[in-house]
Amino acid sequence: MGAVANRQTAYDPWLLLSLVSLLGFGLVMVTSASLSFAEGSGLPAGYFAIRHAIYLAIGLVGFAVTTTVPLALWRKLSIPLLIITMALLTLLLIPGISRQVNGSSRWLFLGPVSIQVSEFAKLFVVIYMAQYLVQKHKEVQTELSGFIKPMLTLGLVSALLLLEPDFGATVVIVSTTMGMLFLGGLPIRRFLVLLLPALGALGILSITSPYRMQRLTSFLNPWTDQFNTGYQLTQSLIAFGRGGWFGTGLGNSVQKLLYLPEAHNDFIFAVLAEELGLVGAMVILLFFGLLVWRILALGRQAILSGHPFAGFMAYGIGLWFGFQAIINIGVNLGVLPTKGLTLPFMSYGGCSLVVGLLAVGILLRIEFELSRKIQRV
């Protein structure tokens, strides 16, 4: 068993350190970035900070619950969860059932609670793909049908997401799925055959939709129309410029004073860079890198110890967090078009935070089951 046999039963301290650090920074920055926005909206100053803390508490309860759920149950529920996801995504297309915000219908009403289905879709697609890669492992490695079958499923999920429309979630799910197929042994030649059409399709979708085309052109040169289509990005870049090396100080951001839209949500990284500077931004990048590295290492450990379902699930969660963080930070920096994606564990957004913590709970369950198997060995 080699290195596998030397694994300790304690949870990975580096994974937990990175998670707790990101959650802590997120709570502080949401509080700092949302005060002016709340007051400008006629709400109590701490409205969004309190809600974020409540979502965090709910997420931690969910996190505790998923650490107790056996991996065998997730594997058994992989297809039912995917079917439920597609059914809920279909419901979003029915007028009157979903909540429309900024032209997109992404939220379902359940009494006083609204649910963003795409966040759950990310987790449930990962669970489905992990099960598929275990069940069809040899087919994925040797047969053309091995990657055509999951692509058909992925195509249906993507189509439903694009009808909302939610291009950002589609990019994350497609990227994560393709990464899982590659790590699952899909031959590089077939992977490239799959990758090029997928990139082409995303490119066509970007230029054929008027609102996506507008986002693409404004991202390339936001200063040409800085008070209209390029407004959000130019304000974000100003925040980075004001931050310098060490920032203006916690709470001293000017851009969050109703200049930068979504300051506590999609563009929280820009406010962090303004208040904590390049050094603070690099610390956050370090924690994200550490988190993804430890998750991928856990996935490899699971594969080596004979737990392929656990391993592929960890790979998928790590890729999901990594891709989403890269895209969000890239948007804030102006190197990627605006996607409407949260920064994992940091941005204000209940479903994103809760589902992310559910996924980390599953990771700790993987560690627990691995350690228990090793102790028996």
Protein backbone atom coordinates (compact mmCIF):
# COMPACT_ATOMS: atom_id res chain seq x y z
CA MET A 1 0.00 0.00 0.00
CA GLY A 2 3.03 2.32 0.39
CA ALA A 3 2.07 5.94 0.93
CA VAL A 4 -1.58 5.01 1.14
CA ALA A 5 -1.00 2.92 4.23
CA ASN A 6 0.67 5.80 6.01
CA ARG A 7 -2.36 8.02 5.79
CA GLN A 8 -3.57 9.34 9.14
CA THR A 9 -7.19 9.29 10.23
CA ALA A 10 -7.25 13.06 10.89
CA TYR A 11 -8.74 15.30 8.23
CA ASP A 12 -6.32 17.13 5.95
CA PRO A 13 -5.32 20.23 7.98
CA TRP A 14 -4.27 22.18 4.86
CA LEU A 15 -7.64 21.63 3.20
CA LEU A 16 -9.43 22.76 6.35
CA LEU A 17 -7.09 25.74 6.80
CA SER A 18 -7.73 26.97 3.26
CA LEU A 19 -11.49 26.47 3.61
CA VAL A 20 -11.77 28.27 6.96
CA SER A 21 -9.55 31.10 5.70
CA LEU A 22 -11.67 31.65 2.58
CA LEU A 23 -14.88 31.54 4.59
CA GLY A 24 -13.46 34.04 7.10
CA PHE A 25 -12.22 36.42 4.42
CA GLY A 26 -15.55 36.05 2.64
CA LEU A 27 -17.61 37.01 5.69
CA VAL A 28 -15.40 40.03 6.38
CA MET A 29 -15.38 41.22 2.78
CA VAL A 30 -19.13 40.73 2.24
CA THR A 31 -19.71 42.83 5.35
CA SER A 32 -17.33 45.53 4.16
CA ALA A 33 -18.56 45.57 0.55
CA SER A 34 -22.31 45.47 1.27
CA LEU A 35 -22.81 48.19 3.90
CA SER A 36 -23.18 51.10 1.47
CA PHE A 37 -25.21 49.07 -1.01
CA ALA A 38 -27.67 48.03 1.72
CA GLU A 39 -28.11 51.61 2.93
CA GLY A 40 -28.49 52.84 -0.65
CA SER A 41 -31.24 50.27 -1.14
CA GLY A 42 -33.11 51.47 1.93
CA LEU A 43 -32.13 48.44 4.01
CA PRO A 44 -30.33 48.18 7.35
CA ALA A 45 -26.57 48.50 6.91
CA GLY A 46 -25.90 44.95 8.04
CA TYR A 47 -28.68 43.35 5.98
CA PHE A 48 -26.48 41.43 3.52
CA ALA A 49 -23.82 40.62 6.11
CA ILE A 50 -26.43 39.05 8.41
CA ARG A 51 -27.96 37.08 5.55
CA HIS A 52 -24.53 35.87 4.49
CA ALA A 53 -23.85 34.72 8.06
CA ILE A 54 -27.18 32.86 8.07
CA TYR A 55 -26.33 31.15 4.78
CA LEU A 56 -22.95 30.26 6.22
CA ALA A 57 -24.62 28.69 9.26
CA ILE A 58 -27.01 26.71 7.03
CA GLY A 59 -24.08 25.63 4.88
CA LEU A 60 -22.14 24.43 7.90
CA VAL A 61 -25.13 22.36 9.02
CA GLY A 62 -25.32 20.84 5.54
CA PHE A 63 -21.55 20.33 5.64
CA ALA A 64 -21.91 18.38 8.90
CA VAL A 65 -24.72 16.27 7.43
CA THR A 66 -22.86 15.31 4.24
CA THR A 67 -19.85 14.16 6.26
CA THR A 68 -22.15 11.42 7.64
CA VAL A 69 -23.64 10.28 4.30
CA PRO A 70 -21.97 7.09 2.98
CA LEU A 71 -20.42 7.41 -0.47
CA ALA A 72 -22.38 4.33 -1.53
CA LEU A 73 -25.60 6.32 -1.12
CA TRP A 74 -24.34 9.16 -3.33
CA ARG A 75 -23.41 6.59 -5.94
CA LYS A 76 -26.88 5.01 -5.76
CA LEU A 77 -28.55 8.43 -6.06
CA SER A 78 -26.34 9.74 -8.89
CA ILE A 79 -28.88 9.23 -11.68
CA PRO A 80 -31.99 10.23 -9.65
CA LEU A 81 -30.24 13.46 -8.59
CA LEU A 82 -29.37 14.25 -12.19
CA ILE A 83 -32.98 13.64 -13.27
CA ILE A 84 -34.25 15.89 -10.47
CA THR A 85 -31.79 18.58 -11.57
CA MET A 86 -33.01 18.49 -15.16
CA ALA A 87 -36.62 18.56 -14.00
CA LEU A 88 -35.98 21.65 -11.86
CA LEU A 89 -34.08 23.34 -14.70
CA THR A 90 -37.10 22.69 -16.91
CA LEU A 91 -39.41 24.24 -14.31
CA LEU A 92 -37.35 27.43 -14.49
CA LEU A 93 -38.54 27.90 -18.06
CA ILE A 94 -42.20 28.06 -17.00
CA PRO A 95 -43.32 31.70 -16.52
CA GLY A 96 -44.44 32.54 -13.00
CA ILE A 97 -42.50 29.75 -11.31
CA SER A 98 -38.99 31.16 -11.59
CA ARG A 99 -37.66 34.50 -10.40
CA GLN A 100 -36.17 36.71 -13.09
CA VAL A 101 -33.18 38.86 -12.13
CA ASN A 102 -31.20 40.92 -14.65
CA GLY A 103 -32.97 39.18 -17.51
CA SER A 104 -32.22 35.62 -16.35
CA SER A 105 -34.63 33.11 -14.80
CA ARG A 106 -32.33 31.20 -12.44
CA TRP A 107 -34.26 31.04 -9.16
CA LEU A 108 -37.12 28.80 -8.04
CA PHE A 109 -39.57 29.92 -5.33
CA LEU A 110 -40.13 27.51 -2.45
CA GLY A 111 -42.23 29.60 -0.10
CA PRO A 112 -40.00 32.34 1.34
CA VAL A 113 -36.88 30.61 0.00
CA SER A 114 -35.48 30.94 -3.52
CA ILE A 115 -33.14 28.30 -4.91
CA GLN A 116 -30.59 28.74 -7.70
CA VAL A 117 -30.81 25.35 -9.39
CA SER A 118 -27.59 25.75 -11.39
CA GLU A 119 -25.55 25.62 -8.17
CA PHE A 120 -26.98 22.21 -7.32
CA ALA A 121 -26.51 21.14 -10.95
CA LYS A 122 -22.74 21.60 -10.60
CA LEU A 123 -22.57 19.16 -7.68
CA PHE A 124 -25.04 16.63 -9.06
CA VAL A 125 -23.34 16.52 -12.49
CA VAL A 126 -20.04 15.80 -10.72
CA ILE A 127 -21.64 12.94 -8.77
CA TYR A 128 -23.22 11.54 -11.96
CA MET A 129 -19.94 11.76 -13.89
CA ALA A 130 -18.03 10.04 -11.08
CA GLN A 131 -20.49 7.15 -11.19
CA TYR A 132 -20.33 7.03 -15.00
CA LEU A 133 -16.54 6.92 -15.04
CA VAL A 134 -16.54 4.00 -12.60
CA GLN A 135 -19.26 2.08 -14.41
CA LYS A 136 -17.97 2.74 -17.95
CA HIS A 137 -14.26 3.13 -17.25
CA LYS A 138 -13.03 0.77 -19.96
CA GLU A 139 -15.54 2.10 -22.46
CA VAL A 140 -14.32 5.65 -21.84
CA GLN A 141 -10.73 4.55 -22.48
CA THR A 142 -11.35 2.38 -25.55
CA GLU A 143 -14.65 3.20 -27.24
CA LEU A 144 -15.95 6.30 -28.99
CA SER A 145 -19.29 5.81 -27.26
CA GLY A 146 -17.54 6.17 -23.92
CA PHE A 147 -17.49 9.95 -24.20
CA ILE A 148 -20.42 10.44 -26.57
CA LYS A 149 -22.92 9.15 -23.98
CA PRO A 150 -22.01 11.63 -21.20
CA MET A 151 -21.79 14.40 -23.78
CA LEU A 152 -25.42 13.83 -24.72
CA THR A 153 -26.41 14.18 -21.06
CA LEU A 154 -24.17 17.19 -20.66
CA GLY A 155 -25.65 18.71 -23.82
CA LEU A 156 -29.16 18.46 -22.38
CA VAL A 157 -28.15 20.04 -19.07
CA SER A 158 -26.25 22.78 -20.91
CA ALA A 159 -29.21 23.51 -23.18
CA LEU A 160 -31.51 23.96 -20.19
CA LEU A 161 -28.99 26.26 -18.51
CA LEU A 162 -28.54 28.35 -21.65
CA LEU A 163 -32.29 28.84 -21.94
CA GLU A 164 -32.35 30.62 -18.53
CA PRO A 165 -29.80 31.93 -19.68
CA ASP A 166 -26.84 30.99 -17.45
CA PHE A 167 -23.73 30.93 -19.60
CA GLY A 168 -21.34 31.03 -16.63
CA ALA A 169 -22.69 27.87 -14.99
CA THR A 170 -22.64 26.16 -18.39
CA VAL A 171 -18.95 26.95 -18.85
CA VAL A 172 -18.09 25.65 -15.37
CA ILE A 173 -20.07 22.41 -15.80
CA VAL A 174 -18.70 21.73 -19.30
CA SER A 175 -15.12 22.45 -18.20
CA THR A 176 -15.46 20.27 -15.10
CA THR A 177 -16.99 17.37 -17.04
CA MET A 178 -14.29 17.46 -19.70
CA GLY A 179 -11.61 17.60 -17.02
CA MET A 180 -13.11 14.56 -15.29
CA LEU A 181 -13.20 12.63 -18.57
CA PHE A 182 -9.55 13.46 -19.18
CA LEU A 183 -8.54 12.37 -15.67
CA GLY A 184 -10.73 9.29 -16.12
CA GLY A 185 -8.49 8.05 -18.91
CA LEU A 186 -10.05 9.49 -22.07
CA PRO A 187 -7.27 9.22 -24.72
CA ILE A 188 -5.70 12.57 -25.50
CA ARG A 189 -6.60 12.32 -29.19
CA ARG A 190 -10.27 11.80 -28.42
CA PHE A 191 -10.10 14.46 -25.72
CA LEU A 192 -8.91 17.00 -28.30
CA VAL A 193 -11.62 15.85 -30.72
CA LEU A 194 -14.11 16.56 -27.92
CA LEU A 195 -12.46 19.78 -26.74
CA LEU A 196 -12.35 21.62 -30.06
CA PRO A 197 -16.07 21.26 -30.90
CA ALA A 198 -16.98 22.20 -27.32
CA LEU A 199 -14.87 25.37 -27.52
CA GLY A 200 -16.34 26.09 -30.96
CA ALA A 201 -19.89 25.69 -29.66
CA LEU A 202 -19.23 28.00 -26.72
CA GLY A 203 -17.68 30.51 -29.11
CA ILE A 204 -20.69 30.40 -31.42
CA LEU A 205 -23.06 30.81 -28.47
CA SER A 206 -21.03 33.83 -27.37
CA ILE A 207 -21.27 35.69 -30.67
CA THR A 208 -24.81 34.73 -31.72
CA SER A 209 -26.54 36.07 -28.61
CA PRO A 210 -26.79 39.89 -28.56
CA TYR A 211 -26.26 40.25 -24.79
CA ARG A 212 -23.29 37.85 -24.79
CA MET A 213 -21.77 39.61 -27.80
CA GLN A 214 -22.15 42.92 -25.97
CA ARG A 215 -20.35 41.49 -22.93
CA LEU A 216 -17.58 40.11 -25.15
CA THR A 217 -16.93 43.35 -26.98
CA SER A 218 -17.10 45.48 -23.82
CA PHE A 219 -14.60 43.16 -22.12
CA LEU A 220 -12.08 43.55 -24.96
CA ASN A 221 -11.98 47.34 -24.53
CA PRO A 222 -14.23 48.55 -21.71
CA TRP A 223 -12.85 52.10 -21.86
CA THR A 224 -14.46 52.76 -25.25
CA ASP A 225 -17.88 52.82 -23.53
CA GLN A 226 -16.92 53.14 -19.90
CA PHE A 227 -20.21 54.68 -18.75
CA ASN A 228 -22.40 52.05 -20.41
CA THR A 229 -21.41 48.52 -21.45
CA GLY A 230 -17.91 48.81 -19.98
CA TYR A 231 -18.96 50.48 -16.74
CA GLN A 232 -18.74 47.51 -14.38
CA LEU A 233 -15.34 46.36 -15.64
CA THR A 234 -13.79 49.83 -15.63
CA GLN A 235 -14.92 50.35 -12.04
CA SER A 236 -13.39 46.99 -11.13
CA LEU A 237 -10.09 47.93 -12.75
CA ILE A 238 -10.10 51.25 -10.88
CA ALA A 239 -10.46 49.27 -7.64
CA PHE A 240 -7.39 47.20 -8.49
CA GLY A 241 -5.46 50.33 -9.40
CA ARG A 242 -6.34 52.05 -6.13
CA GLY A 243 -5.29 49.03 -4.08
CA GLY A 244 -1.60 49.15 -4.93
CA TRP A 245 0.66 46.84 -2.92
CA PHE A 246 -1.02 46.91 0.48
CA GLY A 247 -4.48 48.39 -0.19
CA THR A 248 -6.37 51.34 1.18
CA GLY A 249 -7.21 49.51 4.41
CA LEU A 250 -10.11 47.30 5.44
CA GLY A 251 -13.38 49.21 5.04
CA ASN A 252 -11.79 52.05 3.07
CA SER A 253 -12.85 51.05 -0.46
CA VAL A 254 -14.27 53.89 -2.54
CA GLN A 255 -15.54 51.68 -5.36
CA LYS A 256 -17.97 49.86 -3.08
CA LEU A 257 -19.73 53.20 -2.43
CA LEU A 258 -22.24 52.40 -5.20
CA TYR A 259 -19.66 52.88 -7.98
CA LEU A 260 -19.00 49.17 -8.56
CA PRO A 261 -22.18 47.12 -9.17
CA GLU A 262 -22.35 43.70 -7.46
CA ALA A 263 -19.49 44.73 -5.18
CA HIS A 264 -20.47 42.18 -2.52
CA ASN A 265 -21.26 39.47 -5.05
CA ASP A 266 -19.51 38.76 -8.37
CA PHE A 267 -16.92 41.54 -7.93
CA ILE A 268 -15.96 41.00 -4.31
CA PHE A 269 -12.39 40.17 -5.35
CA ALA A 270 -12.00 43.69 -6.77
CA VAL A 271 -13.07 45.24 -3.45
CA LEU A 272 -10.70 42.93 -1.61
CA ALA A 273 -7.85 43.99 -3.90
CA GLU A 274 -8.68 47.65 -3.29
CA GLU A 275 -8.78 47.30 0.50
CA LEU A 276 -6.01 44.71 1.01
CA GLY A 277 -3.90 45.39 -2.06
CA LEU A 278 -1.88 43.03 -4.23
CA VAL A 279 -0.55 41.26 -1.14
CA GLY A 280 -4.07 40.49 0.11
CA ALA A 281 -5.18 39.34 -3.35
CA MET A 282 -2.16 37.01 -3.59
CA VAL A 283 -3.01 35.52 -0.19
CA ILE A 284 -6.49 34.65 -1.46
CA LEU A 285 -5.01 33.11 -4.61
CA LEU A 286 -2.69 31.08 -2.39
CA PHE A 287 -5.60 29.74 -0.35
CA PHE A 288 -7.54 28.80 -3.48
CA GLY A 289 -4.49 27.09 -4.91
CA LEU A 290 -3.96 25.21 -1.65
CA LEU A 291 -7.61 24.16 -1.51
CA VAL A 292 -7.69 22.81 -5.07
CA TRP A 293 -4.31 21.10 -4.68
CA ARG A 294 -5.39 19.25 -1.53
CA ILE A 295 -8.70 18.20 -3.11
CA LEU A 296 -6.97 16.83 -6.20
CA ALA A 297 -4.42 15.08 -3.98
CA LEU A 298 -7.32 13.48 -2.10
CA GLY A 299 -8.77 12.30 -5.39
CA ARG A 300 -5.48 10.69 -6.39
CA GLN A 301 -5.20 9.07 -2.95
CA ALA A 302 -8.68 7.60 -3.35
CA ILE A 303 -7.88 6.22 -6.81
CA LEU A 304 -4.65 4.62 -5.54
CA SER A 305 -6.45 3.02 -2.59
CA GLY A 306 -9.10 1.41 -4.78
CA HIS A 307 -11.93 3.94 -4.34
CA PRO A 308 -12.46 5.16 -7.94
CA PHE A 309 -15.91 6.67 -7.31
CA ALA A 310 -14.57 8.71 -4.40
CA GLY A 311 -11.52 9.67 -6.41
CA PHE A 312 -13.42 10.89 -9.45
CA MET A 313 -15.87 12.76 -7.26
CA ALA A 314 -12.98 14.55 -5.51
CA TYR A 315 -11.40 15.33 -8.87
CA GLY A 316 -14.69 16.82 -10.08
CA ILE A 317 -15.19 18.98 -6.99
CA GLY A 318 -11.60 20.23 -7.16
CA LEU A 319 -11.91 21.10 -10.85
CA TRP A 320 -15.25 22.83 -10.23
CA PHE A 321 -13.86 25.05 -7.46
CA GLY A 322 -10.70 25.75 -9.45
CA PHE A 323 -12.43 26.65 -12.72
CA GLN A 324 -15.04 28.84 -11.02
CA ALA A 325 -12.43 30.73 -8.99
CA ILE A 326 -10.27 31.29 -12.09
CA ILE A 327 -13.23 32.53 -14.12
CA ASN A 328 -14.50 34.88 -11.39
CA ILE A 329 -11.06 36.36 -10.72
CA GLY A 330 -10.39 36.60 -14.46
CA VAL A 331 -13.62 38.56 -14.91
CA ASN A 332 -12.66 40.91 -12.07
CA LEU A 333 -9.27 41.50 -13.68
CA GLY A 334 -10.74 42.06 -17.14
CA VAL A 335 -9.03 39.10 -18.78
CA LEU A 336 -12.32 37.19 -19.26
CA PRO A 337 -15.82 38.34 -20.29
CA THR A 338 -18.39 38.90 -17.54
CA LYS A 339 -20.01 35.58 -16.62
CA GLY A 340 -22.12 36.24 -13.51
CA LEU A 341 -20.29 33.66 -11.38
CA THR A 342 -19.64 33.93 -7.66
CA LEU A 343 -16.23 33.50 -6.08
CA PRO A 344 -16.51 30.19 -4.16
CA PHE A 345 -16.86 30.58 -0.36
CA MET A 346 -16.39 34.35 -0.53
CA SER A 347 -19.10 36.04 -2.60
CA TYR A 348 -22.53 36.82 -1.23
CA GLY A 349 -24.91 34.17 -2.54
CA GLY A 350 -26.78 31.65 -0.43
CA CYS A 351 -27.01 28.68 -2.80
CA SER A 352 -23.41 29.00 -3.96
CA LEU A 353 -22.12 29.02 -0.39
CA VAL A 354 -24.38 26.23 0.85
CA VAL A 355 -23.72 23.89 -2.09
CA GLY A 356 -19.97 24.53 -1.87
CA LEU A 357 -19.99 23.51 1.80
CA LEU A 358 -22.08 20.42 0.98
CA ALA A 359 -19.38 19.43 -1.51
CA VAL A 360 -16.59 19.91 1.04
CA GLY A 361 -18.56 17.76 3.48
CA ILE A 362 -18.49 15.01 0.87
CA LEU A 363 -14.71 15.43 0.62
CA LEU A 364 -14.32 14.91 4.35
CA ARG A 365 -16.51 11.81 4.07
CA ILE A 366 -14.12 10.53 1.41
CA GLU A 367 -11.21 11.07 3.82
CA PHE A 368 -13.11 9.28 6.59
CA GLU A 369 -13.91 6.23 4.46
CA LEU A 370 -10.35 6.06 3.13
CA SER A 371 -8.89 6.15 6.65
CA ARG A 372 -11.33 3.51 7.83
CA LYS A 373 -10.38 1.19 4.98
CA ILE A 374 -6.67 1.71 5.62
CA GLN A 375 -7.09 0.92 9.31
CA ARG A 376 -8.73 -2.39 8.36
CA VAL A 377 -5.82 -3.15 6.03
